[in-house]
Protein backbone atom coordinates (compact mmCIF):
# COMPACT_ATOMS: atom_id res chain seq x y z
CA MET A 1 -37.59 -28.20 42.27
CA LYS A 2 -34.25 -29.64 41.19
CA THR A 3 -35.38 -29.58 37.57
CA LYS A 4 -36.28 -25.88 37.79
CA ILE A 5 -32.96 -25.04 39.40
CA PHE A 6 -31.14 -27.07 36.77
CA SER A 7 -33.05 -25.42 33.94
CA LYS A 8 -32.25 -21.94 35.23
CA LYS A 9 -28.59 -22.91 35.62
CA VAL A 10 -28.29 -24.19 32.03
CA ILE A 11 -30.10 -21.21 30.53
CA SER A 12 -28.02 -18.78 32.57
CA ILE A 13 -24.75 -20.36 31.46
CA LEU A 14 -25.81 -20.56 27.83
CA THR A 15 -26.99 -16.98 27.85
CA ALA A 16 -23.76 -15.74 29.37
CA THR A 17 -21.69 -17.78 26.93
CA ILE A 18 -23.50 -16.55 23.83
CA LEU A 19 -23.71 -12.96 24.95
CA PHE A 20 -20.03 -12.92 25.86
CA SER A 21 -19.11 -14.24 22.42
CA GLY A 22 -20.67 -11.20 20.79
CA CYS A 23 -24.22 -12.23 19.87
CA ALA A 24 -26.28 -10.39 22.40
CA GLN A 25 -29.59 -8.96 21.26
CA MET A 26 -32.71 -11.12 21.37
CA PRO A 27 -35.15 -10.75 18.47
CA GLN A 28 -38.25 -8.61 18.82
CA GLN A 29 -40.13 -10.67 16.24
CA SER A 30 -39.81 -14.10 14.65
CA VAL A 31 -37.74 -14.14 11.47
CA ALA A 32 -36.31 -17.42 10.16
CA GLY A 33 -33.45 -16.79 7.71
CA ASP A 34 -30.53 -19.05 6.88
CA LYS A 35 -28.44 -17.75 9.76
CA THR A 36 -31.35 -18.14 12.17
CA LYS A 37 -31.64 -21.82 11.34
CA SER A 38 -27.89 -22.34 11.52
CA GLY A 39 -27.62 -20.48 14.82
CA ALA A 40 -30.46 -22.52 16.30
CA ALA A 41 -28.84 -25.79 15.24
CA ILE A 42 -25.47 -24.82 16.67
CA GLY A 43 -27.07 -23.56 19.86
CA ALA A 44 -29.08 -26.74 20.26
CA ALA A 45 -26.00 -28.91 19.90
CA ALA A 46 -24.00 -26.82 22.37
CA GLY A 47 -26.92 -26.72 24.77
CA ALA A 48 -27.41 -30.46 24.63
CA ILE A 49 -23.76 -31.08 25.48
CA LEU A 50 -23.82 -28.59 28.33
CA GLY A 51 -27.13 -29.92 29.61
CA ASN A 52 -25.82 -33.47 29.60
CA ILE A 53 -22.69 -32.45 31.48
CA LEU A 54 -24.60 -30.56 34.15
CA GLY A 55 -27.64 -32.80 34.40
CA LYS A 56 -26.04 -36.15 33.54
CA ASP A 57 -29.41 -37.40 32.29
CA THR A 58 -31.73 -37.20 29.29
CA LYS A 59 -33.90 -34.49 30.85
CA GLY A 60 -30.86 -32.28 31.37
CA THR A 61 -29.81 -32.81 27.76
CA LEU A 62 -33.26 -31.86 26.43
CA ILE A 63 -33.45 -28.75 28.57
CA GLY A 64 -29.99 -27.67 27.46
CA ALA A 65 -30.78 -28.31 23.81
CA THR A 66 -34.00 -26.28 23.99
CA ALA A 67 -32.31 -23.34 25.67
CA GLY A 68 -29.40 -23.49 23.24
CA ALA A 69 -31.70 -23.56 20.21
CA VAL A 70 -33.60 -20.50 21.39
CA LEU A 71 -30.46 -18.50 22.08
CA GLY A 72 -28.65 -19.78 18.98
CA GLY A 73 -31.62 -18.79 16.87
CA ALA A 74 -31.35 -15.28 18.24
CA VAL A 75 -27.73 -15.17 17.08
CA GLY A 76 -28.68 -16.13 13.53
CA TYR A 77 -31.56 -13.68 13.56
CA ASN A 78 -29.25 -10.82 14.40
CA MET A 79 -26.98 -11.62 11.46
CA ASP A 80 -29.95 -11.70 9.09
CA LYS A 81 -31.35 -8.53 10.57
CA GLN A 82 -27.99 -6.78 10.41
CA ALA A 83 -27.54 -7.71 6.73
CA ALA A 84 -30.97 -6.30 5.92
CA GLU A 85 -30.27 -3.08 7.82
CA ILE A 86 -26.88 -2.65 6.12
CA ALA A 87 -28.41 -3.15 2.68
CA LYS A 88 -31.19 -0.68 3.40
CA SER A 89 -28.76 1.96 4.67
CA LEU A 90 -26.72 1.60 1.47
CA GLU A 91 -29.86 1.80 -0.67
CA THR A 92 -29.54 -1.71 -2.05
CA GLU A 93 -30.71 -5.24 -1.22
CA VAL A 94 -29.05 -8.36 0.12
CA ASN A 95 -27.82 -10.24 -2.95
CA THR A 96 -28.46 -13.95 -2.56
CA SER A 97 -26.67 -15.05 -5.73
CA PRO A 98 -23.70 -17.38 -5.04
CA ASN A 99 -21.70 -15.42 -7.65
CA ALA A 100 -22.88 -11.96 -6.69
CA GLU A 101 -19.48 -10.24 -6.77
CA ALA A 102 -18.59 -11.71 -10.16
CA THR A 103 -21.88 -11.04 -11.90
CA SER A 104 -23.30 -7.85 -10.42
CA ASP A 105 -22.48 -4.48 -11.93
CA GLU A 106 -23.50 -2.61 -8.77
CA ASP A 107 -20.97 -0.36 -6.99
CA ILE A 108 -22.00 -1.85 -3.63
CA ILE A 109 -22.94 -5.48 -3.05
CA VAL A 110 -24.25 -6.86 0.24
CA THR A 111 -24.09 -10.63 0.67
CA LYS A 112 -24.28 -13.04 3.59
CA ASN A 113 -23.64 -16.62 4.58
CA ASP A 114 -23.66 -18.63 7.79
CA ARG A 115 -20.46 -17.03 9.06
CA PHE A 116 -20.53 -13.34 8.10
CA VAL A 117 -22.18 -10.45 6.34
CA LYS A 118 -20.05 -8.94 3.56
CA ILE A 119 -20.20 -5.53 1.92
CA THR A 120 -18.21 -5.22 -1.30
CA PHE A 121 -17.27 -1.72 -2.47
CA ARG A 122 -16.13 -1.43 -6.08
CA ASP A 123 -12.82 0.35 -6.56
CA GLN A 124 -14.10 2.71 -9.29
CA MET A 125 -16.42 4.33 -6.77
CA MET A 126 -13.99 4.24 -3.86
CA PHE A 127 -10.60 5.67 -4.89
CA PRO A 128 -8.88 7.64 -7.64
CA ILE A 129 -6.33 5.63 -9.65
CA ASN A 130 -3.31 4.55 -7.53
CA SER A 131 -4.68 6.43 -4.53
CA ALA A 132 -5.81 5.39 -1.06
CA THR A 133 -7.81 8.58 -0.48
CA LEU A 134 -11.53 7.90 -0.39
CA THR A 135 -13.74 9.81 -2.81
CA SER A 136 -16.50 11.94 -1.29
CA THR A 137 -19.08 9.42 -2.52
CA ALA A 138 -17.19 6.56 -0.91
CA SER A 139 -16.85 8.41 2.39
CA TYR A 140 -20.58 9.07 2.38
CA LYS A 141 -21.38 5.42 1.73
CA VAL A 142 -18.96 4.06 4.34
CA ARG A 143 -20.38 6.41 6.96
CA LYS A 144 -23.77 4.84 6.29
CA LEU A 145 -22.41 1.66 7.88
CA ILE A 146 -21.59 3.42 11.12
CA GLY A 147 -25.19 4.01 12.15
CA VAL A 148 -25.98 0.32 11.81
CA LEU A 149 -22.79 -0.84 13.53
CA GLN A 150 -23.61 1.34 16.51
CA ASN A 151 -26.64 -0.90 17.04
CA TYR A 152 -24.39 -3.98 17.03
CA PRO A 153 -21.34 -2.98 19.11
CA GLN A 154 -20.15 -6.56 19.52
CA THR A 155 -19.96 -7.24 15.78
CA ILE A 156 -16.34 -7.66 14.64
CA VAL A 157 -15.44 -5.62 11.56
CA GLN A 158 -12.73 -6.73 9.14
CA VAL A 159 -11.83 -4.48 6.19
CA VAL A 160 -9.95 -6.17 3.33
CA GLY A 161 -8.39 -4.47 0.28
CA HIS A 162 -7.82 -6.14 -3.10
CA THR A 163 -6.17 -5.05 -6.38
CA ASP A 164 -5.82 -6.43 -9.90
CA ASN A 165 -2.51 -7.95 -11.00
CA ARG A 166 -1.07 -5.01 -12.89
CA GLY A 167 2.20 -3.92 -11.31
CA ALA A 168 4.43 -5.53 -8.72
CA HIS A 169 2.94 -7.64 -5.94
CA ALA A 170 4.67 -5.58 -3.24
CA TYR A 171 3.31 -2.30 -4.62
CA ASN A 172 -0.20 -3.68 -4.81
CA LEU A 173 0.09 -5.13 -1.32
CA THR A 174 0.93 -1.71 0.09
CA LEU A 175 -1.86 -0.07 -1.92
CA SER A 176 -4.43 -2.63 -0.80
CA GLN A 177 -3.36 -2.21 2.84
CA LYS A 178 -3.62 1.58 2.63
CA ARG A 179 -7.05 1.41 1.06
CA ALA A 180 -8.30 -1.00 3.70
CA ARG A 181 -6.86 1.24 6.39
CA SER A 182 -8.62 4.30 4.94
CA VAL A 183 -11.99 2.57 5.20
CA ALA A 184 -11.22 1.13 8.65
CA ASN A 185 -10.12 4.51 9.99
CA LEU A 186 -13.28 6.17 8.72
CA ILE A 187 -15.39 3.57 10.51
CA MET A 188 -13.40 3.78 13.76
CA ASN A 189 -13.44 7.58 13.74
CA GLY A 190 -17.20 7.50 13.40
CA GLY A 191 -17.62 6.64 17.06
CA VAL A 192 -18.28 2.89 16.86
CA ARG A 193 -17.24 0.61 19.72
CA ASN A 194 -16.76 -2.39 17.46
CA PRO A 195 -13.38 -4.09 17.07
CA VAL A 196 -12.14 -3.03 13.62
CA TYR A 197 -9.26 -4.67 11.74
CA GLU A 198 -7.83 -4.11 8.27
CA LYS A 199 -5.82 -6.27 5.88
CA GLY A 200 -4.46 -5.96 2.34
CA CYS A 201 -4.37 -8.92 -0.06
CA SER A 202 -2.63 -7.37 -3.09
CA PHE A 203 -3.88 -9.44 -6.05
CA ASP A 204 -3.76 -12.78 -4.22
CA LYS A 205 -7.52 -13.38 -4.18
CA PRO A 206 -9.19 -12.33 -7.43
CA ILE A 207 -12.92 -12.84 -7.94
CA VAL A 208 -12.34 -13.64 -11.62
CA PRO A 209 -9.17 -14.11 -13.71
CA ASN A 210 -7.35 -10.86 -14.50
CA THR A 211 -7.71 -11.46 -18.23
CA SER A 212 -9.63 -8.34 -19.27
CA SER A 213 -10.21 -4.76 -18.16
CA GLN A 214 -13.73 -5.69 -17.11
CA ASN A 215 -12.47 -8.51 -14.90
CA MET A 216 -9.80 -6.28 -13.40
CA ASP A 217 -12.51 -3.79 -12.48
CA LEU A 218 -14.27 -6.55 -10.54
CA ASN A 219 -11.10 -7.58 -8.72
CA ARG A 220 -10.26 -4.07 -7.50
CA ARG A 221 -12.41 -3.77 -4.42
CA VAL A 222 -12.64 -3.24 -0.68
CA GLU A 223 -14.64 -5.77 1.31
CA VAL A 224 -16.07 -5.19 4.78
CA PHE A 225 -16.81 -8.38 6.71
CA LEU A 226 -19.07 -8.39 9.76
CA TYR A 227 -18.60 -11.36 12.09
CA PRO A 228 -20.79 -12.27 15.09
CA ASN A 229 -17.76 -13.24 17.18
CA GLN A 230 -14.02 -13.87 17.09
CA GLU A 231 -14.42 -17.58 16.36
CA PHE A 232 -15.76 -16.81 12.90
CA VAL A 233 -12.95 -14.49 11.80
CA VAL A 234 -10.70 -15.91 9.07
CA ASN A 235 -7.90 -14.70 6.81
CA GLN A 236 -9.80 -13.48 3.74
CA CYS A 237 -6.64 -13.32 1.61
CA ILE A 238 -6.28 -17.10 1.42
C-alpha cells in the first residue's frame, strides 16, 4: 500500500512539474526522435533524484526514474512532432543537416536540436531592401505558423533578426530589431497565447563570413525559435 501511495505521489509531482514548465501534451502514438530520447533521459534522471528524496530507498528511485522517463519522453516527442507540423505547414521538410542554413538555398528552413525548433526565413523573401515591412508572401508564410502554435500554447516563441555587415552597426541593429518585431507582432496578433519575444542582432552573428553577395544573402534572415520552456531560452545573438 505504501509503495502505491509513493508511486502516485512521485508521478503526480513529476507530472505537475513537467506540465508547469511548458511541456504538457502526452503523445497519442509512439515516436522516438532525438528529442524524445533526450527528454526521456532528462526525465529519468530528474525522476530518480525526486524518487530517492521522497522514498529514501532504491525502490523509490526506480519508480521515480520510470515515471520521469515516461513524462520526459513525452516532452521530446512534442518537440519532434511540433517540428514536423511546422515543416508541413510551410510546405517543406525538417532539414537534418548540421549546416542547413549555410548550405540550403531554400527561402524557409526548418531545423531542430535537443533544445529548440528553429525556422529560418530568408531576407529576400521577407522584406524589401532597407525595410521592416513584411512582403505579402512573408505574411502568408508567417501566418502558417500560427495554426500550429495554437496547438502548443505553452511553447515559447523567440523571433531574432539578423543583417549583413554593410552599413553601420547601430543602423543594422535597429533594422534587425524592427524586422524581428514585425514578425513577432504578426504572430501575436494572430490570436496565439504563446509568450512571444523579439530581438535584433545586427550583424553580430553571421552564418558565413560576409565576403560575397551570396554569403550576405544567407546572413540576412529572421529566425523563429520555439522552446519547450523558459529554461531553454538563450540569447541567440551571442
